[in-house]
Amino acid sequence: MSATADHAEERTNPAARLGFEPGQVVQEIGYDDDVELELREGIEATIGQELVDEDYDDVADVVLLWFRDEDGDLTDALVDAIGLLEEGGTVWLMTPKTGRDGYVEPSDINEAAQTAGLAQTKSISAGKDWTGSRLATPKVAAKPRR
């Protein structure tokens, strides 16, 4: 694909900017009728399958966590999300933009991520009403195979 085609896809498919790849298992948590449907559809188109829900009983490559201020404790939600991830996986934390119902302060996101042992590596506009924060698990040394 050409660089121009890559940029065109990023404009038409918001999921392309988030780094999703074909074949990834993406577990979605916190889905409600206020989520960014275009982003969800773009992720499914990119990974080539539907998002799995909170009842999925295996590990995921990425957790897509929709979180609003009234949803409880963000640190607890992030710790729970880490437990659902494949080693080296990432959490995409989606929070309402400034001024929207359920807005979460960036300082609260940063503090919760650090407390949960995650590092914020990227922040983007994830649609009209949502901001996305990419949170990465620490790199773990490869374990020798037996």
N, C-alpha and C. Protein backbone atom coordinates (compact mmCIF):
# COMPACT_ATOMS: atom_id res chain seq x y z
N MET A 1 0.85 -1.17 0.00
CA MET A 1 0.00 0.00 0.00
C MET A 1 0.90 1.23 0.00
N SER A 2 0.53 2.24 -0.72
CA SER A 2 1.33 3.45 -0.79
C SER A 2 1.13 4.30 0.45
N ALA A 3 2.05 5.23 0.67
CA ALA A 3 1.93 6.12 1.82
C ALA A 3 0.64 6.95 1.71
N THR A 4 0.30 7.34 0.50
CA THR A 4 -0.93 8.12 0.29
C THR A 4 -2.15 7.29 0.65
N ALA A 5 -2.16 6.02 0.27
CA ALA A 5 -3.28 5.14 0.60
C ALA A 5 -3.37 4.94 2.11
N ASP A 6 -2.21 4.82 2.77
CA ASP A 6 -2.20 4.68 4.23
C ASP A 6 -2.86 5.89 4.89
N HIS A 7 -2.51 7.09 4.42
CA HIS A 7 -3.09 8.30 5.01
C HIS A 7 -4.57 8.40 4.72
N ALA A 8 -4.99 7.97 3.54
CA ALA A 8 -6.42 8.00 3.20
C ALA A 8 -7.19 7.05 4.11
N GLU A 9 -6.64 5.87 4.38
CA GLU A 9 -7.31 4.92 5.26
C GLU A 9 -7.42 5.48 6.67
N GLU A 10 -6.38 6.17 7.13
CA GLU A 10 -6.42 6.76 8.47
C GLU A 10 -7.54 7.78 8.58
N ARG A 11 -7.81 8.51 7.50
CA ARG A 11 -8.89 9.49 7.54
C ARG A 11 -10.26 8.83 7.51
N THR A 12 -10.41 7.73 6.75
CA THR A 12 -11.72 7.10 6.60
C THR A 12 -12.00 6.03 7.65
N ASN A 13 -10.97 5.42 8.20
CA ASN A 13 -11.14 4.39 9.22
C ASN A 13 -10.38 4.81 10.47
N PRO A 14 -11.10 5.33 11.49
CA PRO A 14 -10.40 5.79 12.69
C PRO A 14 -9.60 4.70 13.38
N ALA A 15 -9.97 3.45 13.20
CA ALA A 15 -9.25 2.35 13.83
C ALA A 15 -7.84 2.21 13.29
N ALA A 16 -7.61 2.66 12.05
CA ALA A 16 -6.28 2.55 11.46
C ALA A 16 -5.26 3.37 12.25
N ARG A 17 -5.68 4.47 12.84
CA ARG A 17 -4.77 5.31 13.62
C ARG A 17 -4.42 4.67 14.96
N LEU A 18 -5.18 3.69 15.38
CA LEU A 18 -4.97 3.08 16.69
C LEU A 18 -4.03 1.88 16.64
N GLY A 19 -3.64 1.45 15.45
CA GLY A 19 -2.66 0.37 15.34
C GLY A 19 -3.23 -1.03 15.43
N PHE A 20 -4.55 -1.19 15.24
CA PHE A 20 -5.13 -2.54 15.24
C PHE A 20 -4.64 -3.28 14.00
N GLU A 21 -4.52 -4.61 14.11
CA GLU A 21 -4.01 -5.43 13.02
C GLU A 21 -4.95 -6.61 12.77
N PRO A 22 -4.98 -7.10 11.52
CA PRO A 22 -5.82 -8.26 11.21
C PRO A 22 -5.49 -9.45 12.12
N GLY A 23 -6.54 -10.13 12.55
CA GLY A 23 -6.38 -11.33 13.36
C GLY A 23 -6.30 -11.09 14.86
N GLN A 24 -6.18 -9.84 15.29
CA GLN A 24 -6.11 -9.59 16.73
C GLN A 24 -7.45 -9.89 17.40
N VAL A 25 -7.37 -10.36 18.63
CA VAL A 25 -8.56 -10.52 19.47
C VAL A 25 -8.67 -9.26 20.31
N VAL A 26 -9.80 -8.55 20.15
CA VAL A 26 -10.02 -7.31 20.89
C VAL A 26 -11.23 -7.51 21.80
N GLN A 27 -11.00 -7.40 23.09
CA GLN A 27 -12.07 -7.56 24.07
C GLN A 27 -12.57 -6.17 24.47
N GLU A 28 -13.88 -5.99 24.34
CA GLU A 28 -14.50 -4.71 24.64
C GLU A 28 -15.19 -4.75 26.01
N ILE A 29 -14.90 -3.74 26.82
CA ILE A 29 -15.48 -3.63 28.15
C ILE A 29 -16.11 -2.24 28.27
N GLY A 30 -17.25 -2.17 28.92
CA GLY A 30 -17.89 -0.88 29.16
C GLY A 30 -18.77 -0.39 28.03
N TYR A 31 -19.14 -1.31 27.12
CA TYR A 31 -20.00 -0.93 26.00
C TYR A 31 -21.34 -0.39 26.52
N ASP A 32 -21.81 0.69 25.91
CA ASP A 32 -23.12 1.24 26.21
C ASP A 32 -23.58 1.97 24.95
N ASP A 33 -24.78 2.52 24.97
CA ASP A 33 -25.32 3.14 23.76
C ASP A 33 -24.65 4.47 23.41
N ASP A 34 -23.70 4.94 24.23
CA ASP A 34 -23.01 6.19 23.94
C ASP A 34 -21.66 6.01 23.27
N VAL A 35 -21.23 4.78 23.03
CA VAL A 35 -19.90 4.54 22.45
C VAL A 35 -19.85 5.00 21.00
N GLU A 36 -18.65 5.13 20.48
CA GLU A 36 -18.42 5.59 19.12
C GLU A 36 -18.56 4.39 18.17
N LEU A 37 -19.75 4.25 17.57
CA LEU A 37 -20.03 3.08 16.73
C LEU A 37 -19.13 3.02 15.50
N GLU A 38 -18.81 4.15 14.91
CA GLU A 38 -17.94 4.16 13.73
C GLU A 38 -16.56 3.59 14.07
N LEU A 39 -16.05 3.92 15.24
CA LEU A 39 -14.76 3.39 15.68
C LEU A 39 -14.85 1.88 15.87
N ARG A 40 -15.90 1.41 16.54
CA ARG A 40 -16.08 -0.04 16.75
C ARG A 40 -16.12 -0.77 15.41
N GLU A 41 -16.90 -0.25 14.48
CA GLU A 41 -17.02 -0.89 13.16
C GLU A 41 -15.68 -0.88 12.43
N GLY A 42 -14.93 0.20 12.57
CA GLY A 42 -13.61 0.28 11.95
C GLY A 42 -12.64 -0.73 12.53
N ILE A 43 -12.70 -0.92 13.85
CA ILE A 43 -11.84 -1.92 14.49
C ILE A 43 -12.19 -3.31 13.97
N GLU A 44 -13.49 -3.63 13.92
CA GLU A 44 -13.91 -4.94 13.44
C GLU A 44 -13.49 -5.16 11.99
N ALA A 45 -13.59 -4.12 11.16
CA ALA A 45 -13.16 -4.23 9.76
C ALA A 45 -11.65 -4.48 9.68
N THR A 46 -10.90 -3.82 10.54
CA THR A 46 -9.44 -3.96 10.52
C THR A 46 -9.00 -5.33 11.01
N ILE A 47 -9.59 -5.82 12.12
CA ILE A 47 -9.15 -7.10 12.68
C ILE A 47 -9.79 -8.29 11.97
N GLY A 48 -10.84 -8.03 11.20
CA GLY A 48 -11.47 -9.10 10.42
C GLY A 48 -12.40 -9.99 11.21
N GLN A 49 -12.86 -9.53 12.35
CA GLN A 49 -13.80 -10.31 13.17
C GLN A 49 -14.49 -9.36 14.14
N GLU A 50 -15.52 -9.87 14.81
CA GLU A 50 -16.24 -9.06 15.78
C GLU A 50 -15.42 -8.90 17.06
N LEU A 51 -15.68 -7.81 17.77
CA LEU A 51 -15.09 -7.64 19.09
C LEU A 51 -15.68 -8.69 20.01
N VAL A 52 -14.88 -9.18 20.96
CA VAL A 52 -15.42 -10.11 21.95
C VAL A 52 -15.87 -9.31 23.16
N ASP A 53 -16.85 -9.84 23.90
CA ASP A 53 -17.42 -9.07 25.00
C ASP A 53 -16.79 -9.45 26.34
N GLU A 54 -17.38 -8.93 27.40
CA GLU A 54 -16.84 -9.12 28.75
C GLU A 54 -16.85 -10.57 29.21
N ASP A 55 -17.65 -11.42 28.57
CA ASP A 55 -17.75 -12.82 28.96
C ASP A 55 -16.72 -13.71 28.27
N TYR A 56 -15.90 -13.16 27.39
CA TYR A 56 -14.87 -13.92 26.68
C TYR A 56 -13.95 -14.57 27.72
N ASP A 57 -13.64 -15.86 27.55
CA ASP A 57 -12.90 -16.57 28.60
C ASP A 57 -11.47 -16.95 28.22
N ASP A 58 -10.86 -16.19 27.31
CA ASP A 58 -9.47 -16.41 26.96
C ASP A 58 -8.78 -15.04 27.01
N VAL A 59 -7.48 -15.01 26.75
CA VAL A 59 -6.78 -13.73 26.76
C VAL A 59 -6.96 -13.01 25.43
N ALA A 60 -6.86 -11.69 25.47
CA ALA A 60 -7.02 -10.86 24.28
C ALA A 60 -5.70 -10.16 23.97
N ASP A 61 -5.56 -9.75 22.71
CA ASP A 61 -4.38 -8.97 22.31
C ASP A 61 -4.52 -7.52 22.76
N VAL A 62 -5.77 -7.03 22.72
CA VAL A 62 -6.07 -5.64 23.07
C VAL A 62 -7.38 -5.62 23.86
N VAL A 63 -7.42 -4.79 24.90
CA VAL A 63 -8.67 -4.52 25.60
C VAL A 63 -9.10 -3.10 25.22
N LEU A 64 -10.33 -2.99 24.75
CA LEU A 64 -10.94 -1.69 24.42
C LEU A 64 -11.87 -1.37 25.59
N LEU A 65 -11.45 -0.42 26.42
CA LEU A 65 -12.17 -0.10 27.65
C LEU A 65 -12.84 1.26 27.53
N TRP A 66 -14.17 1.26 27.46
CA TRP A 66 -14.96 2.50 27.48
C TRP A 66 -15.20 2.84 28.93
N PHE A 67 -14.72 4.01 29.38
CA PHE A 67 -14.83 4.36 30.79
C PHE A 67 -15.31 5.79 30.96
N ARG A 68 -16.31 5.93 31.83
CA ARG A 68 -16.86 7.23 32.16
C ARG A 68 -16.63 7.49 33.64
N ASP A 69 -16.57 8.75 34.03
CA ASP A 69 -16.28 9.11 35.41
C ASP A 69 -17.16 8.38 36.42
N GLU A 70 -18.43 8.16 36.07
CA GLU A 70 -19.35 7.51 37.00
C GLU A 70 -19.25 5.98 37.00
N ASP A 71 -18.31 5.42 36.23
CA ASP A 71 -18.19 3.96 36.11
C ASP A 71 -17.45 3.31 37.27
N GLY A 72 -17.02 4.06 38.26
CA GLY A 72 -16.33 3.48 39.40
C GLY A 72 -14.87 3.88 39.45
N ASP A 73 -14.03 2.99 39.94
CA ASP A 73 -12.62 3.28 40.13
C ASP A 73 -11.83 2.90 38.88
N LEU A 74 -11.18 3.88 38.27
CA LEU A 74 -10.44 3.63 37.03
C LEU A 74 -9.26 2.70 37.26
N THR A 75 -8.55 2.86 38.36
CA THR A 75 -7.42 1.97 38.62
C THR A 75 -7.88 0.52 38.67
N ASP A 76 -8.97 0.25 39.37
CA ASP A 76 -9.50 -1.12 39.45
C ASP A 76 -9.87 -1.63 38.06
N ALA A 77 -10.49 -0.78 37.25
CA ALA A 77 -10.88 -1.18 35.90
C ALA A 77 -9.65 -1.52 35.06
N LEU A 78 -8.58 -0.75 35.21
CA LEU A 78 -7.35 -1.01 34.45
C LEU A 78 -6.66 -2.29 34.93
N VAL A 79 -6.63 -2.52 36.23
CA VAL A 79 -6.04 -3.75 36.76
C VAL A 79 -6.82 -4.96 36.23
N ASP A 80 -8.14 -4.87 36.23
CA ASP A 80 -8.96 -5.95 35.68
C ASP A 80 -8.65 -6.16 34.21
N ALA A 81 -8.48 -5.07 33.46
CA ALA A 81 -8.20 -5.16 32.02
C ALA A 81 -6.86 -5.86 31.77
N ILE A 82 -5.86 -5.56 32.58
CA ILE A 82 -4.54 -6.18 32.42
C ILE A 82 -4.65 -7.70 32.54
N GLY A 83 -5.51 -8.16 33.45
CA GLY A 83 -5.69 -9.60 33.65
C GLY A 83 -6.31 -10.31 32.46
N LEU A 84 -6.88 -9.55 31.53
CA LEU A 84 -7.52 -10.13 30.35
C LEU A 84 -6.58 -10.18 29.15
N LEU A 85 -5.39 -9.58 29.29
CA LEU A 85 -4.48 -9.41 28.16
C LEU A 85 -3.46 -10.52 28.00
N GLU A 86 -3.15 -10.79 26.75
CA GLU A 86 -1.99 -11.60 26.38
C GLU A 86 -0.75 -10.83 26.84
N GLU A 87 0.32 -11.52 27.20
CA GLU A 87 1.55 -10.83 27.59
C GLU A 87 1.96 -9.86 26.49
N GLY A 88 2.25 -8.63 26.86
CA GLY A 88 2.65 -7.62 25.89
C GLY A 88 1.47 -6.92 25.23
N GLY A 89 0.26 -7.21 25.66
CA GLY A 89 -0.92 -6.59 25.07
C GLY A 89 -1.08 -5.14 25.49
N THR A 90 -2.07 -4.49 24.91
CA THR A 90 -2.32 -3.09 25.21
C THR A 90 -3.78 -2.87 25.59
N VAL A 91 -3.99 -1.78 26.30
CA VAL A 91 -5.33 -1.33 26.66
C VAL A 91 -5.57 -0.01 25.92
N TRP A 92 -6.66 0.07 25.19
CA TRP A 92 -7.11 1.35 24.65
C TRP A 92 -8.22 1.83 25.57
N LEU A 93 -7.91 2.86 26.34
CA LEU A 93 -8.87 3.45 27.27
C LEU A 93 -9.60 4.58 26.55
N MET A 94 -10.91 4.43 26.41
CA MET A 94 -11.73 5.45 25.76
C MET A 94 -12.51 6.20 26.83
N THR A 95 -12.32 7.51 26.88
CA THR A 95 -13.02 8.35 27.85
C THR A 95 -13.69 9.51 27.11
N PRO A 96 -14.80 10.01 27.65
CA PRO A 96 -15.48 11.14 27.00
C PRO A 96 -14.56 12.37 26.93
N LYS A 97 -14.70 13.12 25.85
CA LYS A 97 -13.91 14.34 25.68
C LYS A 97 -14.32 15.40 26.71
N THR A 98 -13.46 16.38 26.88
CA THR A 98 -13.71 17.49 27.79
C THR A 98 -15.10 18.08 27.55
N GLY A 99 -15.83 18.29 28.65
CA GLY A 99 -17.15 18.89 28.56
C GLY A 99 -18.28 17.91 28.32
N ARG A 100 -17.96 16.66 28.00
CA ARG A 100 -19.00 15.65 27.77
C ARG A 100 -19.35 14.98 29.09
N ASP A 101 -20.56 14.43 29.18
CA ASP A 101 -20.95 13.67 30.37
C ASP A 101 -19.97 12.53 30.59
N GLY A 102 -19.49 12.37 31.82
CA GLY A 102 -18.59 11.28 32.15
C GLY A 102 -17.12 11.58 31.92
N TYR A 103 -16.78 12.84 31.59
CA TYR A 103 -15.40 13.25 31.34
C TYR A 103 -14.48 12.83 32.49
N VAL A 104 -13.28 12.35 32.14
CA VAL A 104 -12.28 11.94 33.13
C VAL A 104 -11.05 12.84 32.93
N GLU A 105 -10.58 13.44 34.01
CA GLU A 105 -9.41 14.31 33.95
C GLU A 105 -8.18 13.54 33.46
N PRO A 106 -7.37 14.14 32.57
CA PRO A 106 -6.14 13.48 32.12
C PRO A 106 -5.21 13.10 33.27
N SER A 107 -5.14 13.93 34.30
CA SER A 107 -4.28 13.60 35.45
C SER A 107 -4.78 12.34 36.17
N ASP A 108 -6.11 12.15 36.21
CA ASP A 108 -6.67 10.94 36.81
C ASP A 108 -6.33 9.70 35.98
N ILE A 109 -6.35 9.84 34.65
CA ILE A 109 -5.98 8.73 33.77
C ILE A 109 -4.52 8.36 33.98
N ASN A 110 -3.65 9.37 34.00
CA ASN A 110 -2.22 9.13 34.17
C ASN A 110 -1.92 8.46 35.51
N GLU A 111 -2.55 8.96 36.57
CA GLU A 111 -2.32 8.39 37.91
C GLU A 111 -2.83 6.95 37.99
N ALA A 112 -4.03 6.70 37.46
CA ALA A 112 -4.58 5.33 37.48
C ALA A 112 -3.73 4.37 36.66
N ALA A 113 -3.26 4.83 35.50
CA ALA A 113 -2.42 3.98 34.65
C ALA A 113 -1.13 3.62 35.37
N GLN A 114 -0.48 4.61 35.97
CA GLN A 114 0.78 4.34 36.68
C GLN A 114 0.55 3.40 37.85
N THR A 115 -0.52 3.62 38.61
CA THR A 115 -0.82 2.77 39.76
C THR A 115 -1.07 1.32 39.31
N ALA A 116 -1.71 1.17 38.13
CA ALA A 116 -2.00 -0.17 37.61
C ALA A 116 -0.79 -0.81 36.94
N GLY A 117 0.31 -0.05 36.80
CA GLY A 117 1.51 -0.59 36.19
C GLY A 117 1.53 -0.44 34.68
N LEU A 118 0.78 0.51 34.16
CA LEU A 118 0.72 0.74 32.72
C LEU A 118 1.40 2.06 32.38
N ALA A 119 1.85 2.18 31.14
CA ALA A 119 2.45 3.42 30.66
C ALA A 119 1.60 3.98 29.53
N GLN A 120 1.24 5.26 29.63
CA GLN A 120 0.47 5.89 28.56
C GLN A 120 1.42 6.24 27.43
N THR A 121 1.16 5.68 26.24
CA THR A 121 2.08 5.87 25.13
C THR A 121 1.53 6.74 24.02
N LYS A 122 0.21 6.96 24.00
CA LYS A 122 -0.39 7.72 22.92
C LYS A 122 -1.76 8.18 23.36
N SER A 123 -2.17 9.34 22.87
CA SER A 123 -3.51 9.85 23.14
C SER A 123 -4.03 10.45 21.84
N ILE A 124 -5.27 10.08 21.45
CA ILE A 124 -5.82 10.57 20.19
C ILE A 124 -7.30 10.89 20.34
N SER A 125 -7.81 11.65 19.38
CA SER A 125 -9.25 11.84 19.28
C SER A 125 -9.80 10.58 18.64
N ALA A 126 -10.74 9.95 19.33
CA ALA A 126 -11.29 8.66 18.86
C ALA A 126 -12.72 8.82 18.36
N GLY A 127 -13.05 9.99 17.89
CA GLY A 127 -14.39 10.25 17.38
C GLY A 127 -14.91 11.58 17.90
N LYS A 128 -16.16 11.82 17.64
CA LYS A 128 -16.77 13.10 18.00
C LYS A 128 -16.79 13.32 19.52
N ASP A 129 -17.04 12.29 20.29
CA ASP A 129 -17.24 12.45 21.73
C ASP A 129 -16.21 11.75 22.61
N TRP A 130 -15.25 11.04 22.02
CA TRP A 130 -14.35 10.20 22.80
C TRP A 130 -12.88 10.50 22.52
N THR A 131 -12.06 10.35 23.56
CA THR A 131 -10.61 10.43 23.47
C THR A 131 -10.06 9.05 23.80
N GLY A 132 -9.05 8.62 23.05
CA GLY A 132 -8.42 7.32 23.32
C GLY A 132 -7.03 7.49 23.88
N SER A 133 -6.73 6.70 24.90
CA SER A 133 -5.39 6.67 25.50
C SER A 133 -4.85 5.26 25.38
N ARG A 134 -3.72 5.11 24.70
CA ARG A 134 -3.10 3.79 24.56
C ARG A 134 -2.23 3.55 25.78
N LEU A 135 -2.52 2.48 26.49
CA LEU A 135 -1.80 2.12 27.70
C LEU A 135 -1.11 0.78 27.48
N ALA A 136 0.18 0.77 27.69
CA ALA A 136 0.97 -0.44 27.41
C ALA A 136 1.42 -1.10 28.70
N THR A 137 1.46 -2.42 28.67
CA THR A 137 2.01 -3.17 29.79
C THR A 137 3.52 -3.11 29.68
N PRO A 138 4.22 -3.22 30.80
CA PRO A 138 5.69 -3.17 30.75
C PRO A 138 6.23 -4.35 29.95
N LYS A 139 7.35 -4.13 29.30
CA LYS A 139 8.00 -5.20 28.56
C LYS A 139 8.53 -6.23 29.56
N VAL A 140 8.23 -7.48 29.29
CA VAL A 140 8.68 -8.55 30.18
C VAL A 140 9.73 -9.36 29.43
N ALA A 141 10.80 -9.71 30.12
CA ALA A 141 11.84 -10.51 29.49
C ALA A 141 11.26 -11.83 29.01
N ALA A 142 11.70 -12.26 27.84
CA ALA A 142 11.20 -13.51 27.28
C ALA A 142 11.63 -14.68 28.16
N LYS A 143 10.70 -15.58 28.39
CA LYS A 143 11.01 -16.75 29.22
C LYS A 143 11.55 -17.84 28.29
N PRO A 144 12.60 -18.55 28.74
CA PRO A 144 13.15 -19.62 27.90
C PRO A 144 12.14 -20.75 27.76
N ARG A 145 12.10 -21.35 26.58
CA ARG A 145 11.22 -22.50 26.34
C ARG A 145 11.89 -23.75 26.87
N ARG A 146 11.05 -24.66 27.34
CA ARG A 146 11.60 -25.94 27.85
C ARG A 146 11.40 -27.02 26.85
